[in-house]
Amino acid sequence: MLLGADFCEADDDAPARDGNPRLGIGRDVVLDRVIVDKNARIGDGARLVNEAGVMRADGDGYYIRDGVVVVPKDGVIKPGQSV
């Protein structure tokens, strides 16, 4: 499930900041059983699939509840990060 954003970033006026990816979902991202809340930033090549079947955990920019990965509002997933 993907939720929208409160604003848009144009390619030329909103580059990645502080090492964080741009607003939205990057290239070559894999999502399975994921909820992405609004204004989230998911970097290129991230893989959010919970292959280990974890039922509950808190991670860097995400959490898992009942096996579902949740990227909260304004959450940031670094490029190449895997869950």
Foldseek 3Di string as FASTA:
>chain_A
DEDEEPDDDDPVRFQAPPQFHDFDAEACEAADLEYEYYREGEAAQEYEHLPVQDAWDDDQQWIHHHSHIYRYHNGTHHHNHYD
